[in-house]
C-alpha atoms as a PDB file:
ATOM      1  CA  MET A   1      12.265 -16.599  15.390  1.00  0.00           C
ATOM      2  CA  THR A   2      12.927 -16.253  11.691  1.00  0.00           C
ATOM      3  CA  SER A   3       9.824 -18.242  10.810  1.00  0.00           C
ATOM      4  CA  GLU A   4       7.595 -15.898  12.847  1.00  0.00           C
ATOM      5  CA  ILE A   5       9.082 -12.890  11.087  1.00  0.00           C
ATOM      6  CA  LYS A   6       8.520 -14.528   7.686  1.00  0.00           C
ATOM      7  CA  ILE A   7       4.893 -15.300   8.559  1.00  0.00           C
ATOM      8  CA  ALA A   8       4.399 -11.706   9.685  1.00  0.00           C
ATOM      9  CA  GLN A   9       5.980 -10.485   6.451  1.00  0.00           C
ATOM     10  CA  VAL A  10       3.597 -12.585   4.357  1.00  0.00           C
ATOM     11  CA  ILE A  11       0.609 -11.249   6.300  1.00  0.00           C
ATOM     12  CA  VAL A  12       1.808  -7.652   5.906  1.00  0.00           C
ATOM     13  CA  ALA A  13       2.460  -8.240   2.189  1.00  0.00           C
ATOM     14  CA  VAL A  14      -1.101  -9.481   1.645  1.00  0.00           C
ATOM     15  CA  LEU A  15      -2.537  -6.543   3.598  1.00  0.00           C
ATOM     16  CA  LEU A  16      -0.348  -4.145   1.614  1.00  0.00           C
ATOM     17  CA  MET A  17      -1.578  -5.577  -1.687  1.00  0.00           C
ATOM     18  CA  ILE A  18      -5.187  -5.237  -0.556  1.00  0.00           C
ATOM     19  CA  ALA A  19      -4.612  -1.647   0.573  1.00  0.00           C
ATOM     20  CA  ILE A  20      -3.003  -0.730  -2.745  1.00  0.00           C
ATOM     21  CA  LEU A  21      -5.755  -2.352  -4.780  1.00  0.00           C
ATOM     22  CA  MET A  22      -8.459  -0.580  -2.772  1.00  0.00           C
ATOM     23  CA  GLN A  23      -7.094   2.830  -3.718  1.00  0.00           C
ATOM     24  CA  ASN A  24      -8.927   4.329  -6.644  1.00  0.00           C
ATOM     25  CA  ARG A  25      -8.038   7.527  -8.435  1.00  0.00           C
ATOM     26  CA  GLY A  26     -10.541   7.084 -11.223  1.00  0.00           C
ATOM     27  CA  ALA A  27      -7.819   6.873 -13.846  1.00  0.00           C
ATOM     28  CA  GLY A  28      -9.558   4.890 -16.543  1.00  0.00           C
ATOM     29  CA  LEU A  29      -8.519   4.313 -20.131  1.00  0.00           C
ATOM     30  CA  GLY A  30     -10.462   7.389 -21.232  1.00  0.00           C
ATOM     31  CA  ASP A  31      -8.185   9.619 -19.175  1.00  0.00           C
ATOM     32  CA  ALA A  32      -5.168   8.415 -21.132  1.00  0.00           C
ATOM     33  CA  PHE A  33      -6.611   9.900 -24.327  1.00  0.00           C
ATOM     34  CA  GLY A  34      -7.691  13.231 -22.884  1.00  0.00           C
ATOM     35  CA  GLY A  35     -11.020  12.139 -21.425  1.00  0.00           C
ATOM     36  CA  SER A  36     -12.121  13.836 -18.243  1.00  0.00           C
ATOM     37  CA  GLY A  37     -10.388  16.915 -16.934  1.00  0.00           C
ATOM     38  CA  GLY A  38     -11.000  16.132 -13.291  1.00  0.00           C
ATOM     39  CA  VAL A  39      -8.799  17.728 -10.686  1.00  0.00           C
ATOM     40  CA  TYR A  40      -7.314  15.532  -7.974  1.00  0.00           C
ATOM     41  CA  LEU A  41      -7.984  17.232  -4.659  1.00  0.00           C
ATOM     42  CA  THR A  42      -6.671  16.509  -1.180  1.00  0.00           C
ATOM     43  CA  LYS A  43      -7.378  13.188   0.453  1.00  0.00           C
ATOM     44  CA  ARG A  44     -10.192  13.146   2.996  1.00  0.00           C
ATOM     45  CA  GLY A  45     -11.939  10.627   5.186  1.00  0.00           C
ATOM     46  CA  VAL A  46     -11.537   6.967   4.338  1.00  0.00           C
ATOM     47  CA  GLU A  47      -9.233   7.716   1.409  1.00  0.00           C
ATOM     48  CA  LYS A  48      -6.753   9.463   3.720  1.00  0.00           C
ATOM     49  CA  LYS A  49      -6.880   6.638   6.278  1.00  0.00           C
ATOM     50  CA  LEU A  50      -6.295   4.096   3.520  1.00  0.00           C
ATOM     51  CA  PHE A  51      -3.310   6.111   2.254  1.00  0.00           C
ATOM     52  CA  VAL A  52      -1.792   6.324   5.746  1.00  0.00           C
ATOM     53  CA  ALA A  53      -2.395   2.592   6.264  1.00  0.00           C
ATOM     54  CA  THR A  54      -0.657   1.837   2.955  1.00  0.00           C
ATOM     55  CA  VAL A  55       2.406   3.882   3.897  1.00  0.00           C
ATOM     56  CA  THR A  56       2.486   2.311   7.368  1.00  0.00           C
ATOM     57  CA  LEU A  57       2.241  -1.210   5.967  1.00  0.00           C
ATOM     58  CA  ALA A  58       5.018  -0.449   3.485  1.00  0.00           C
ATOM     59  CA  VAL A  59       7.297   0.759   6.280  1.00  0.00           C
ATOM     60  CA  ILE A  60       6.495  -2.327   8.379  1.00  0.00           C
ATOM     61  CA  PHE A  61       7.214  -4.541   5.365  1.00  0.00           C
ATOM     62  CA  ILE A  62      10.623  -2.913   4.865  1.00  0.00           C
ATOM     63  CA  ILE A  63      11.473  -3.255   8.556  1.00  0.00           C
ATOM     64  CA  LEU A  64      10.501  -6.936   8.516  1.00  0.00           C
ATOM     65  CA  SER A  65      12.591  -7.495   5.382  1.00  0.00           C
ATOM     66  CA  LEU A  66      15.623  -5.885   6.988  1.00  0.00           C
ATOM     67  CA  SER A  67      15.134  -7.868  10.186  1.00  0.00           C
ATOM     68  CA  ILE A  68      15.037 -11.130   8.229  1.00  0.00           C
ATOM     69  CA  PHE A  69      18.254 -10.098   6.508  1.00  0.00           C
ATOM     70  CA  LEU A  70      19.969  -9.223   9.795  1.00  0.00           C
ATOM     71  CA  VAL A  71      18.749 -12.211  11.801  1.00  0.00           C
ATOM     72  CA  GLY A  72      19.783 -14.622   9.150  1.00  0.00           C
END
């Protein structure tokens, strides 16, 4: 059973990395030196779904990590 949980954790970890890398706030190097003065508004559409998916995957990853710790 531990091996199935570890496989699931690897799959969730890869999906979590993809979800994090797909998020884009437009924070380039020019913003660090006072570039654009854009205002970050509320999340809508695909951006909101991607954010919710990222949080969900993170929670699943933590639960899988704790279950591996408890199962042995």
